[in-house]
N, C-alpha and C. Protein backbone atom coordinates (compact mmCIF):
# COMPACT_ATOMS: atom_id res chain seq x y z
N MET A 1 -9.10 24.97 32.70
CA MET A 1 -9.53 26.03 31.79
C MET A 1 -10.97 25.78 31.37
N LYS A 2 -11.74 26.86 31.35
CA LYS A 2 -13.15 26.76 30.96
C LYS A 2 -13.36 27.54 29.66
N LEU A 3 -14.47 27.28 28.99
CA LEU A 3 -14.77 27.95 27.72
C LEU A 3 -14.83 29.46 27.86
N ASN A 4 -15.34 29.93 29.00
CA ASN A 4 -15.45 31.38 29.18
C ASN A 4 -14.10 32.04 29.50
N GLU A 5 -13.06 31.22 29.70
CA GLU A 5 -11.72 31.76 29.97
C GLU A 5 -10.85 31.82 28.72
N LEU A 6 -11.36 31.32 27.60
CA LEU A 6 -10.59 31.32 26.35
C LEU A 6 -10.41 32.74 25.83
N ARG A 7 -9.19 33.09 25.49
CA ARG A 7 -8.87 34.40 24.94
C ARG A 7 -7.87 34.24 23.81
N ASN A 8 -7.86 35.20 22.91
CA ASN A 8 -6.81 35.22 21.88
C ASN A 8 -5.49 35.52 22.54
N ARG A 9 -4.39 35.12 21.89
CA ARG A 9 -3.07 35.41 22.46
C ARG A 9 -2.85 36.92 22.47
N PRO A 10 -2.21 37.45 23.48
CA PRO A 10 -1.99 38.90 23.55
C PRO A 10 -1.21 39.40 22.32
N GLY A 11 -1.71 40.46 21.70
CA GLY A 11 -1.05 41.04 20.54
C GLY A 11 -1.49 40.45 19.21
N SER A 12 -2.31 39.38 19.24
CA SER A 12 -2.73 38.75 17.98
C SER A 12 -3.89 39.47 17.31
N THR A 13 -4.63 40.28 18.08
CA THR A 13 -5.73 41.04 17.50
C THR A 13 -5.51 42.53 17.75
N HIS A 14 -6.02 43.34 16.85
CA HIS A 14 -5.88 44.80 16.96
C HIS A 14 -7.25 45.43 16.75
N THR A 15 -7.47 46.54 17.42
CA THR A 15 -8.70 47.27 17.17
C THR A 15 -8.49 48.14 15.93
N ARG A 16 -9.49 48.18 15.07
CA ARG A 16 -9.38 48.94 13.82
C ARG A 16 -9.37 50.43 14.11
N LYS A 17 -8.65 51.18 13.25
CA LYS A 17 -8.63 52.64 13.37
C LYS A 17 -10.01 53.16 13.02
N VAL A 18 -10.53 54.07 13.82
CA VAL A 18 -11.81 54.69 13.53
C VAL A 18 -11.52 55.94 12.71
N LEU A 19 -11.93 55.92 11.46
CA LEU A 19 -11.61 57.01 10.53
C LEU A 19 -12.81 57.90 10.27
N GLY A 20 -12.53 59.17 9.98
CA GLY A 20 -13.57 60.10 9.55
C GLY A 20 -14.64 60.37 10.58
N ARG A 21 -14.26 60.50 11.85
CA ARG A 21 -15.25 60.74 12.91
C ARG A 21 -14.97 62.06 13.65
N GLY A 22 -14.63 63.09 12.89
CA GLY A 22 -14.46 64.41 13.50
C GLY A 22 -13.02 64.76 13.79
N ILE A 23 -12.79 66.08 13.92
CA ILE A 23 -11.44 66.62 14.09
C ILE A 23 -10.79 66.17 15.39
N GLY A 24 -11.58 65.94 16.41
CA GLY A 24 -11.05 65.54 17.72
C GLY A 24 -10.45 64.15 17.74
N SER A 25 -10.84 63.29 16.81
CA SER A 25 -10.33 61.91 16.80
C SER A 25 -8.90 61.82 16.29
N GLY A 26 -8.44 62.87 15.60
CA GLY A 26 -7.09 62.86 15.02
C GLY A 26 -7.06 62.24 13.63
N LEU A 27 -8.11 61.52 13.28
CA LEU A 27 -8.20 60.93 11.95
C LEU A 27 -9.56 61.25 11.33
N GLY A 28 -9.94 62.53 11.43
CA GLY A 28 -11.21 62.94 10.86
C GLY A 28 -11.01 63.48 9.45
N LYS A 29 -12.07 63.93 8.83
CA LYS A 29 -12.07 64.55 7.51
C LYS A 29 -11.35 63.72 6.45
N THR A 30 -10.04 63.87 6.28
CA THR A 30 -9.33 63.15 5.20
C THR A 30 -8.82 61.79 5.66
N SER A 31 -9.03 61.41 6.90
CA SER A 31 -8.70 60.10 7.45
C SER A 31 -7.23 59.73 7.29
N GLY A 32 -6.35 60.71 7.48
CA GLY A 32 -4.92 60.43 7.43
C GLY A 32 -4.34 60.28 6.04
N ARG A 33 -5.14 60.62 4.99
CA ARG A 33 -4.66 60.43 3.63
C ARG A 33 -4.08 61.71 3.02
N GLY A 34 -4.02 62.77 3.76
CA GLY A 34 -3.54 64.02 3.20
C GLY A 34 -4.67 64.71 2.46
N VAL A 35 -4.33 65.52 1.43
CA VAL A 35 -5.38 66.22 0.70
C VAL A 35 -5.39 65.86 -0.77
N LYS A 36 -6.55 65.60 -1.29
CA LYS A 36 -6.81 65.36 -2.70
C LYS A 36 -5.76 64.48 -3.39
N GLY A 37 -5.69 64.54 -4.67
CA GLY A 37 -4.69 63.79 -5.43
C GLY A 37 -5.02 62.32 -5.59
N GLN A 38 -4.26 61.69 -6.45
CA GLN A 38 -4.50 60.28 -6.79
C GLN A 38 -4.44 59.36 -5.57
N LYS A 39 -3.49 59.59 -4.68
CA LYS A 39 -3.31 58.69 -3.55
C LYS A 39 -4.36 58.89 -2.46
N ALA A 40 -5.10 59.97 -2.52
CA ALA A 40 -6.17 60.19 -1.56
C ALA A 40 -7.42 59.40 -1.94
N ARG A 41 -7.48 58.96 -3.18
CA ARG A 41 -8.65 58.22 -3.66
C ARG A 41 -8.54 56.73 -3.28
N THR A 42 -9.65 56.05 -3.38
CA THR A 42 -9.65 54.63 -3.05
C THR A 42 -9.27 53.81 -4.29
N GLY A 43 -8.73 52.63 -4.05
CA GLY A 43 -8.41 51.71 -5.15
C GLY A 43 -7.18 52.09 -5.94
N VAL A 44 -6.25 52.87 -5.37
CA VAL A 44 -5.06 53.29 -6.10
C VAL A 44 -3.84 52.62 -5.51
N ALA A 45 -3.06 51.98 -6.36
CA ALA A 45 -1.77 51.43 -5.94
C ALA A 45 -0.81 51.73 -7.07
N ILE A 46 0.12 52.64 -6.83
CA ILE A 46 1.06 53.01 -7.87
C ILE A 46 2.25 52.05 -7.74
N LYS A 47 2.13 50.92 -8.40
CA LYS A 47 3.12 49.86 -8.25
C LYS A 47 4.46 50.27 -8.87
N GLY A 48 5.49 50.15 -8.09
CA GLY A 48 6.83 50.43 -8.61
C GLY A 48 7.20 51.89 -8.60
N PHE A 49 6.29 52.78 -8.19
CA PHE A 49 6.60 54.21 -8.20
C PHE A 49 7.41 54.55 -6.97
N GLU A 50 8.56 55.21 -7.18
CA GLU A 50 9.46 55.53 -6.07
C GLU A 50 9.67 57.04 -5.95
N GLY A 51 8.62 57.81 -6.13
CA GLY A 51 8.71 59.25 -5.94
C GLY A 51 9.57 59.95 -6.96
N GLY A 52 9.59 59.49 -8.17
CA GLY A 52 10.36 60.13 -9.23
C GLY A 52 11.74 59.54 -9.40
N GLN A 53 12.22 58.80 -8.41
CA GLN A 53 13.50 58.08 -8.54
C GLN A 53 13.30 56.95 -9.55
N MET A 54 14.37 56.57 -10.25
CA MET A 54 14.26 55.47 -11.22
C MET A 54 13.87 54.20 -10.48
N PRO A 55 12.74 53.60 -10.84
CA PRO A 55 12.26 52.42 -10.11
C PRO A 55 13.23 51.24 -10.20
N LEU A 56 13.18 50.40 -9.19
CA LEU A 56 14.09 49.26 -9.11
C LEU A 56 14.01 48.38 -10.35
N PHE A 57 12.79 48.09 -10.83
CA PHE A 57 12.66 47.20 -11.98
C PHE A 57 13.26 47.79 -13.25
N ARG A 58 13.45 49.12 -13.29
CA ARG A 58 14.09 49.74 -14.46
C ARG A 58 15.60 49.89 -14.25
N ARG A 59 16.04 49.88 -12.99
CA ARG A 59 17.48 49.99 -12.71
C ARG A 59 18.20 48.67 -12.97
N LEU A 60 17.49 47.55 -12.80
CA LEU A 60 18.11 46.23 -12.97
C LEU A 60 18.15 45.85 -14.45
N PRO A 61 19.23 45.17 -14.89
CA PRO A 61 19.32 44.79 -16.31
C PRO A 61 18.36 43.65 -16.65
N LYS A 62 18.00 43.58 -17.93
CA LYS A 62 17.15 42.49 -18.39
C LYS A 62 18.04 41.27 -18.63
N ARG A 63 17.55 40.11 -18.30
CA ARG A 63 18.33 38.89 -18.46
C ARG A 63 17.49 37.83 -19.16
N GLY A 64 18.04 37.22 -20.21
CA GLY A 64 17.41 36.06 -20.84
C GLY A 64 16.09 36.37 -21.52
N PHE A 65 15.37 35.32 -21.84
CA PHE A 65 14.07 35.44 -22.49
C PHE A 65 13.25 34.20 -22.18
N THR A 66 11.97 34.26 -22.46
CA THR A 66 11.09 33.11 -22.28
C THR A 66 10.70 32.60 -23.66
N SER A 67 11.10 31.40 -23.96
CA SER A 67 10.81 30.81 -25.26
C SER A 67 9.32 30.49 -25.36
N ILE A 68 8.69 30.84 -26.48
CA ILE A 68 7.26 30.56 -26.64
C ILE A 68 7.01 29.08 -26.92
N GLY A 69 8.03 28.37 -27.35
CA GLY A 69 7.88 26.95 -27.64
C GLY A 69 8.35 26.05 -26.52
N ARG A 70 8.60 26.64 -25.33
CA ARG A 70 9.13 25.87 -24.21
C ARG A 70 8.12 24.83 -23.73
N GLN A 71 8.62 23.65 -23.42
CA GLN A 71 7.75 22.60 -22.91
C GLN A 71 8.08 22.31 -21.46
N ASP A 72 7.07 22.02 -20.68
CA ASP A 72 7.22 21.74 -19.26
C ASP A 72 6.98 20.26 -19.02
N PHE A 73 8.06 19.52 -18.71
CA PHE A 73 7.95 18.08 -18.52
C PHE A 73 7.82 17.72 -17.05
N VAL A 74 7.17 16.60 -16.79
CA VAL A 74 7.05 16.07 -15.43
C VAL A 74 8.21 15.12 -15.21
N PRO A 75 9.09 15.39 -14.23
CA PRO A 75 10.19 14.46 -13.98
C PRO A 75 9.68 13.22 -13.24
N VAL A 76 10.05 12.03 -13.74
CA VAL A 76 9.64 10.78 -13.11
C VAL A 76 10.88 9.91 -12.93
N ASN A 77 11.17 9.55 -11.70
CA ASN A 77 12.32 8.70 -11.41
C ASN A 77 11.93 7.23 -11.52
N ILE A 78 12.90 6.40 -11.93
CA ILE A 78 12.60 4.97 -12.12
C ILE A 78 12.27 4.30 -10.78
N GLY A 79 12.78 4.85 -9.69
CA GLY A 79 12.46 4.32 -8.36
C GLY A 79 10.98 4.46 -8.04
N ARG A 80 10.37 5.58 -8.47
CA ARG A 80 8.92 5.78 -8.25
C ARG A 80 8.10 4.80 -9.09
N LEU A 81 8.60 4.52 -10.31
CA LEU A 81 7.91 3.54 -11.16
C LEU A 81 7.93 2.17 -10.50
N GLN A 82 9.11 1.79 -9.95
CA GLN A 82 9.23 0.49 -9.28
C GLN A 82 8.30 0.42 -8.08
N GLY A 83 8.21 1.52 -7.33
CA GLY A 83 7.30 1.56 -6.18
C GLY A 83 5.85 1.38 -6.58
N ALA A 84 5.46 1.99 -7.71
CA ALA A 84 4.08 1.87 -8.20
C ALA A 84 3.79 0.45 -8.70
N VAL A 85 4.79 -0.19 -9.31
CA VAL A 85 4.63 -1.58 -9.77
C VAL A 85 4.48 -2.49 -8.56
N ASP A 86 5.32 -2.29 -7.53
CA ASP A 86 5.25 -3.10 -6.30
C ASP A 86 3.91 -2.94 -5.60
N ALA A 87 3.36 -1.71 -5.63
CA ALA A 87 2.07 -1.44 -4.97
C ALA A 87 0.89 -1.93 -5.81
N GLY A 88 1.14 -2.34 -7.05
CA GLY A 88 0.07 -2.85 -7.92
C GLY A 88 -0.71 -1.77 -8.63
N ARG A 89 -0.18 -0.55 -8.66
CA ARG A 89 -0.88 0.55 -9.33
C ARG A 89 -0.59 0.59 -10.82
N ILE A 90 0.55 0.01 -11.21
CA ILE A 90 0.93 -0.05 -12.63
C ILE A 90 1.10 -1.51 -13.03
N ASP A 91 0.52 -1.88 -14.17
CA ASP A 91 0.69 -3.23 -14.71
C ASP A 91 1.97 -3.25 -15.54
N ALA A 92 2.94 -4.08 -15.13
CA ALA A 92 4.25 -4.13 -15.79
C ALA A 92 4.15 -4.66 -17.22
N ALA A 93 3.10 -5.40 -17.54
CA ALA A 93 2.96 -5.99 -18.87
C ALA A 93 2.50 -4.95 -19.90
N LYS A 94 1.84 -3.88 -19.43
CA LYS A 94 1.31 -2.87 -20.36
C LYS A 94 2.30 -1.74 -20.58
N LEU A 95 2.05 -0.95 -21.62
CA LEU A 95 2.86 0.21 -21.96
C LEU A 95 2.67 1.31 -20.91
N VAL A 96 3.76 1.85 -20.41
CA VAL A 96 3.70 2.90 -19.37
C VAL A 96 3.81 4.26 -20.07
N THR A 97 2.71 5.02 -20.06
CA THR A 97 2.68 6.37 -20.64
C THR A 97 2.37 7.36 -19.53
N ILE A 98 2.41 8.64 -19.85
CA ILE A 98 2.11 9.68 -18.85
C ILE A 98 0.65 9.57 -18.38
N GLU A 99 -0.25 9.18 -19.29
CA GLU A 99 -1.66 9.03 -18.93
C GLU A 99 -1.85 7.92 -17.90
N VAL A 100 -1.11 6.82 -18.08
CA VAL A 100 -1.17 5.68 -17.15
C VAL A 100 -0.67 6.12 -15.77
N LEU A 101 0.39 6.94 -15.75
CA LEU A 101 0.96 7.40 -14.48
C LEU A 101 0.01 8.35 -13.75
N VAL A 102 -0.70 9.19 -14.50
CA VAL A 102 -1.68 10.10 -13.90
C VAL A 102 -2.83 9.29 -13.29
N GLU A 103 -3.29 8.30 -14.05
CA GLU A 103 -4.38 7.43 -13.61
C GLU A 103 -3.98 6.64 -12.35
N ALA A 104 -2.71 6.21 -12.30
CA ALA A 104 -2.22 5.43 -11.17
C ALA A 104 -1.90 6.30 -9.96
N GLY A 105 -1.85 7.63 -10.16
CA GLY A 105 -1.55 8.55 -9.06
C GLY A 105 -0.07 8.71 -8.80
N VAL A 106 0.78 8.31 -9.76
CA VAL A 106 2.23 8.47 -9.61
C VAL A 106 2.60 9.93 -9.81
N VAL A 107 1.96 10.59 -10.80
CA VAL A 107 2.15 12.02 -11.03
C VAL A 107 0.80 12.70 -10.96
N ARG A 108 0.80 14.00 -10.64
CA ARG A 108 -0.46 14.72 -10.46
C ARG A 108 -1.10 15.11 -11.77
N ARG A 109 -0.28 15.66 -12.70
CA ARG A 109 -0.84 16.08 -13.99
C ARG A 109 0.15 15.79 -15.10
N ALA A 110 -0.35 15.73 -16.32
CA ALA A 110 0.47 15.30 -17.46
C ALA A 110 1.38 16.39 -17.99
N LYS A 111 1.01 17.66 -17.88
CA LYS A 111 1.75 18.79 -18.45
C LYS A 111 2.04 18.51 -19.93
N ASP A 112 3.33 18.67 -20.36
CA ASP A 112 3.67 18.44 -21.77
C ASP A 112 4.28 17.06 -22.01
N GLY A 113 4.30 16.22 -21.00
CA GLY A 113 4.87 14.89 -21.15
C GLY A 113 5.77 14.56 -19.97
N MET A 114 6.43 13.41 -20.08
CA MET A 114 7.25 12.92 -18.98
C MET A 114 8.71 12.86 -19.39
N ARG A 115 9.59 13.18 -18.44
CA ARG A 115 11.02 12.99 -18.64
C ARG A 115 11.48 11.99 -17.60
N LEU A 116 12.05 10.88 -18.08
CA LEU A 116 12.46 9.78 -17.22
C LEU A 116 13.85 10.04 -16.66
N LEU A 117 13.99 9.91 -15.33
CA LEU A 117 15.27 10.14 -14.67
C LEU A 117 15.70 8.88 -13.93
N ALA A 118 17.00 8.79 -13.62
CA ALA A 118 17.59 7.52 -13.17
C ALA A 118 17.66 7.31 -11.66
N SER A 119 17.08 8.17 -10.85
CA SER A 119 17.17 8.02 -9.40
C SER A 119 16.34 6.81 -8.95
N GLY A 120 16.94 5.97 -8.15
CA GLY A 120 16.26 4.78 -7.65
C GLY A 120 16.70 3.53 -8.41
N GLU A 121 16.03 2.41 -8.10
CA GLU A 121 16.38 1.13 -8.71
C GLU A 121 15.15 0.52 -9.37
N LEU A 122 15.34 -0.07 -10.54
CA LEU A 122 14.24 -0.69 -11.28
C LEU A 122 14.52 -2.17 -11.46
N LYS A 123 13.55 -2.99 -11.06
CA LYS A 123 13.68 -4.44 -11.23
C LYS A 123 12.67 -4.97 -12.23
N ALA A 124 11.53 -4.27 -12.37
CA ALA A 124 10.46 -4.73 -13.25
C ALA A 124 10.81 -4.47 -14.71
N LYS A 125 10.33 -5.36 -15.59
CA LYS A 125 10.55 -5.22 -17.03
C LYS A 125 9.42 -4.34 -17.58
N LEU A 126 9.74 -3.07 -17.85
CA LEU A 126 8.72 -2.11 -18.29
C LEU A 126 9.00 -1.61 -19.69
N THR A 127 7.94 -1.34 -20.42
CA THR A 127 8.03 -0.65 -21.71
C THR A 127 7.49 0.75 -21.46
N ILE A 128 8.38 1.75 -21.58
CA ILE A 128 8.02 3.12 -21.21
C ILE A 128 8.04 4.02 -22.42
N GLU A 129 7.02 4.88 -22.51
CA GLU A 129 6.91 5.87 -23.58
C GLU A 129 7.05 7.24 -22.94
N ALA A 130 8.12 7.99 -23.30
CA ALA A 130 8.38 9.29 -22.67
C ALA A 130 8.83 10.30 -23.71
N LYS A 131 8.67 11.60 -23.38
CA LYS A 131 9.14 12.67 -24.27
C LYS A 131 10.64 12.84 -24.17
N GLY A 132 11.22 12.46 -23.02
CA GLY A 132 12.66 12.57 -22.83
C GLY A 132 13.12 11.63 -21.75
N ALA A 133 14.40 11.27 -21.77
CA ALA A 133 14.96 10.39 -20.75
C ALA A 133 16.45 10.60 -20.68
N SER A 134 16.99 10.50 -19.47
CA SER A 134 18.43 10.61 -19.32
C SER A 134 19.08 9.30 -19.77
N LYS A 135 20.34 9.38 -20.16
CA LYS A 135 21.06 8.20 -20.65
C LYS A 135 21.11 7.13 -19.58
N ALA A 136 21.34 7.54 -18.33
CA ALA A 136 21.40 6.60 -17.20
C ALA A 136 20.06 5.90 -16.98
N ALA A 137 18.95 6.63 -17.17
CA ALA A 137 17.62 6.05 -17.00
C ALA A 137 17.34 5.00 -18.08
N ILE A 138 17.71 5.32 -19.32
CA ILE A 138 17.52 4.36 -20.43
C ILE A 138 18.34 3.11 -20.16
N ASP A 139 19.58 3.27 -19.73
CA ASP A 139 20.45 2.13 -19.42
C ASP A 139 19.86 1.26 -18.31
N ALA A 140 19.30 1.91 -17.27
CA ALA A 140 18.72 1.18 -16.13
C ALA A 140 17.50 0.38 -16.55
N VAL A 141 16.66 0.97 -17.41
CA VAL A 141 15.45 0.28 -17.89
C VAL A 141 15.85 -0.91 -18.76
N GLU A 142 16.83 -0.70 -19.65
CA GLU A 142 17.27 -1.79 -20.53
C GLU A 142 17.97 -2.90 -19.75
N LYS A 143 18.67 -2.54 -18.68
CA LYS A 143 19.35 -3.52 -17.82
C LYS A 143 18.31 -4.43 -17.15
N ALA A 144 17.14 -3.85 -16.81
CA ALA A 144 16.06 -4.61 -16.17
C ALA A 144 15.28 -5.43 -17.18
N GLY A 145 15.60 -5.28 -18.47
CA GLY A 145 14.92 -6.07 -19.52
C GLY A 145 13.82 -5.31 -20.23
N GLY A 146 13.63 -4.06 -19.93
CA GLY A 146 12.57 -3.26 -20.56
C GLY A 146 13.10 -2.43 -21.70
N SER A 147 12.27 -1.48 -22.16
CA SER A 147 12.69 -0.59 -23.24
C SER A 147 12.05 0.78 -23.06
N VAL A 148 12.71 1.79 -23.64
CA VAL A 148 12.21 3.16 -23.57
C VAL A 148 12.00 3.66 -24.98
N LYS A 149 10.77 4.13 -25.26
CA LYS A 149 10.46 4.71 -26.56
C LYS A 149 10.35 6.22 -26.37
N LEU A 150 11.21 6.97 -27.08
CA LEU A 150 11.19 8.42 -26.96
C LEU A 150 10.29 9.02 -28.02
N LEU A 151 9.36 9.86 -27.58
CA LEU A 151 8.45 10.54 -28.50
C LEU A 151 9.11 11.83 -28.94
N VAL A 152 9.44 11.92 -30.21
CA VAL A 152 10.08 13.12 -30.74
C VAL A 152 9.08 13.83 -31.63
N LYS A 153 8.87 15.13 -31.35
CA LYS A 153 7.92 15.92 -32.13
C LYS A 153 8.51 16.16 -33.52
N ALA A 154 7.77 15.77 -34.55
CA ALA A 154 8.23 15.96 -35.92
C ALA A 154 8.23 17.44 -36.25
N PRO A 155 9.29 17.93 -36.95
CA PRO A 155 9.32 19.35 -37.30
C PRO A 155 8.18 19.69 -38.24
N SER A 156 7.53 20.82 -37.99
CA SER A 156 6.40 21.21 -38.82
C SER A 156 6.86 21.74 -40.17
N GLU A 157 5.94 21.78 -41.12
CA GLU A 157 6.24 22.27 -42.47
C GLU A 157 6.73 23.72 -42.41
N HIS A 158 6.09 24.50 -41.55
CA HIS A 158 6.43 25.91 -41.43
C HIS A 158 7.87 26.09 -40.97
N SER A 159 8.29 25.32 -39.94
CA SER A 159 9.65 25.47 -39.43
C SER A 159 10.68 25.01 -40.46
N GLU A 160 10.34 24.03 -41.28
CA GLU A 160 11.25 23.57 -42.34
C GLU A 160 11.45 24.68 -43.37
N LYS A 161 10.36 25.34 -43.75
CA LYS A 161 10.45 26.44 -44.72
C LYS A 161 11.28 27.59 -44.15
N GLN A 162 11.05 27.90 -42.87
CA GLN A 162 11.76 28.98 -42.21
C GLN A 162 13.26 28.68 -42.16
N ARG A 163 13.61 27.42 -41.85
CA ARG A 163 15.01 27.01 -41.79
C ARG A 163 15.68 27.15 -43.15
N ALA A 164 14.96 26.77 -44.20
CA ALA A 164 15.49 26.86 -45.57
C ALA A 164 15.72 28.32 -45.95
N LYS A 165 14.79 29.19 -45.57
CA LYS A 165 14.90 30.63 -45.85
C LYS A 165 16.14 31.23 -45.17
N THR A 166 16.32 30.89 -43.90
CA THR A 166 17.45 31.39 -43.13
C THR A 166 18.77 30.93 -43.75
N LYS A 167 18.81 29.67 -44.17
CA LYS A 167 20.01 29.10 -44.78
C LYS A 167 20.34 29.82 -46.08
N ALA A 168 19.31 30.12 -46.89
CA ALA A 168 19.49 30.82 -48.16
C ALA A 168 20.03 32.23 -47.92
N LYS A 169 19.51 32.92 -46.90
CA LYS A 169 19.97 34.28 -46.57
C LYS A 169 21.44 34.26 -46.18
N LYS A 170 21.84 33.28 -45.37
CA LYS A 170 23.22 33.19 -44.92
C LYS A 170 24.17 32.95 -46.09
N SER A 171 23.80 32.03 -46.97
CA SER A 171 24.67 31.72 -48.10
C SER A 171 24.73 32.90 -49.07
N LYS A 172 23.64 33.65 -49.20
CA LYS A 172 23.59 34.82 -50.07
C LYS A 172 24.56 35.90 -49.53
N GLY A 173 24.57 36.06 -48.19
CA GLY A 173 25.44 37.04 -47.55
C GLY A 173 26.91 36.71 -47.74
N LYS A 174 27.25 35.42 -47.67
CA LYS A 174 28.63 34.98 -47.85
C LYS A 174 29.11 35.25 -49.27
N GLY A 175 28.24 35.01 -50.25
CA GLY A 175 28.58 35.23 -51.67
C GLY A 175 28.88 36.68 -51.95
N ALA A 176 28.10 37.61 -51.37
CA ALA A 176 28.27 39.04 -51.57
C ALA A 176 29.58 39.51 -50.93
N ALA A 177 29.95 38.95 -49.77
CA ALA A 177 31.17 39.33 -49.08
C ALA A 177 32.41 38.87 -49.86
N GLN A 178 32.32 37.68 -50.48
CA GLN A 178 33.46 37.16 -51.27
C GLN A 178 33.64 37.96 -52.56
N ALA A 179 32.55 38.39 -53.16
CA ALA A 179 32.60 39.18 -54.41
C ALA A 179 33.25 40.53 -54.15
N ALA A 180 32.99 41.13 -53.00
CA ALA A 180 33.53 42.43 -52.65
C ALA A 180 35.04 42.36 -52.38
N ALA A 181 35.51 41.20 -51.94
CA ALA A 181 36.95 41.04 -51.61
C ALA A 181 37.78 40.75 -52.80
């Protein structure tokens, strides 16, 4: 095979339609778009429009909700931690945090924190700081002689006040129902 014999695979390339080049071309004047109207113009995409039929996204029921306070944790297995210790990327004597793992290249980004999971085997004695951990992972770390410190977000003043308000409303409602009976 020579350079001048190189060709694209058959069917991989197409010649573009020649639009607006006279009535004889078959695609002259309106270029196959019909006449006038919104869809004849450029830059129009009527997303979800099904010709007056109820669109699919409106026919399907709504399910669930997205919590505004949701946190996205990075799952980290104890087996990966052991691998990083063996490779010398993590110092077993120091505190293992999400920042240390990002620096060591064990995880790509910190997100909202780390959740420790029990897949794999841990032999190194590590002190780990995580936002969450499975019971099996905590047991495995403690069995190896280490410890897990869970970071728990303290409830804010606002949420405490809101909780108290809700509790007062509920108890007020119960009192009114008992008085009526």
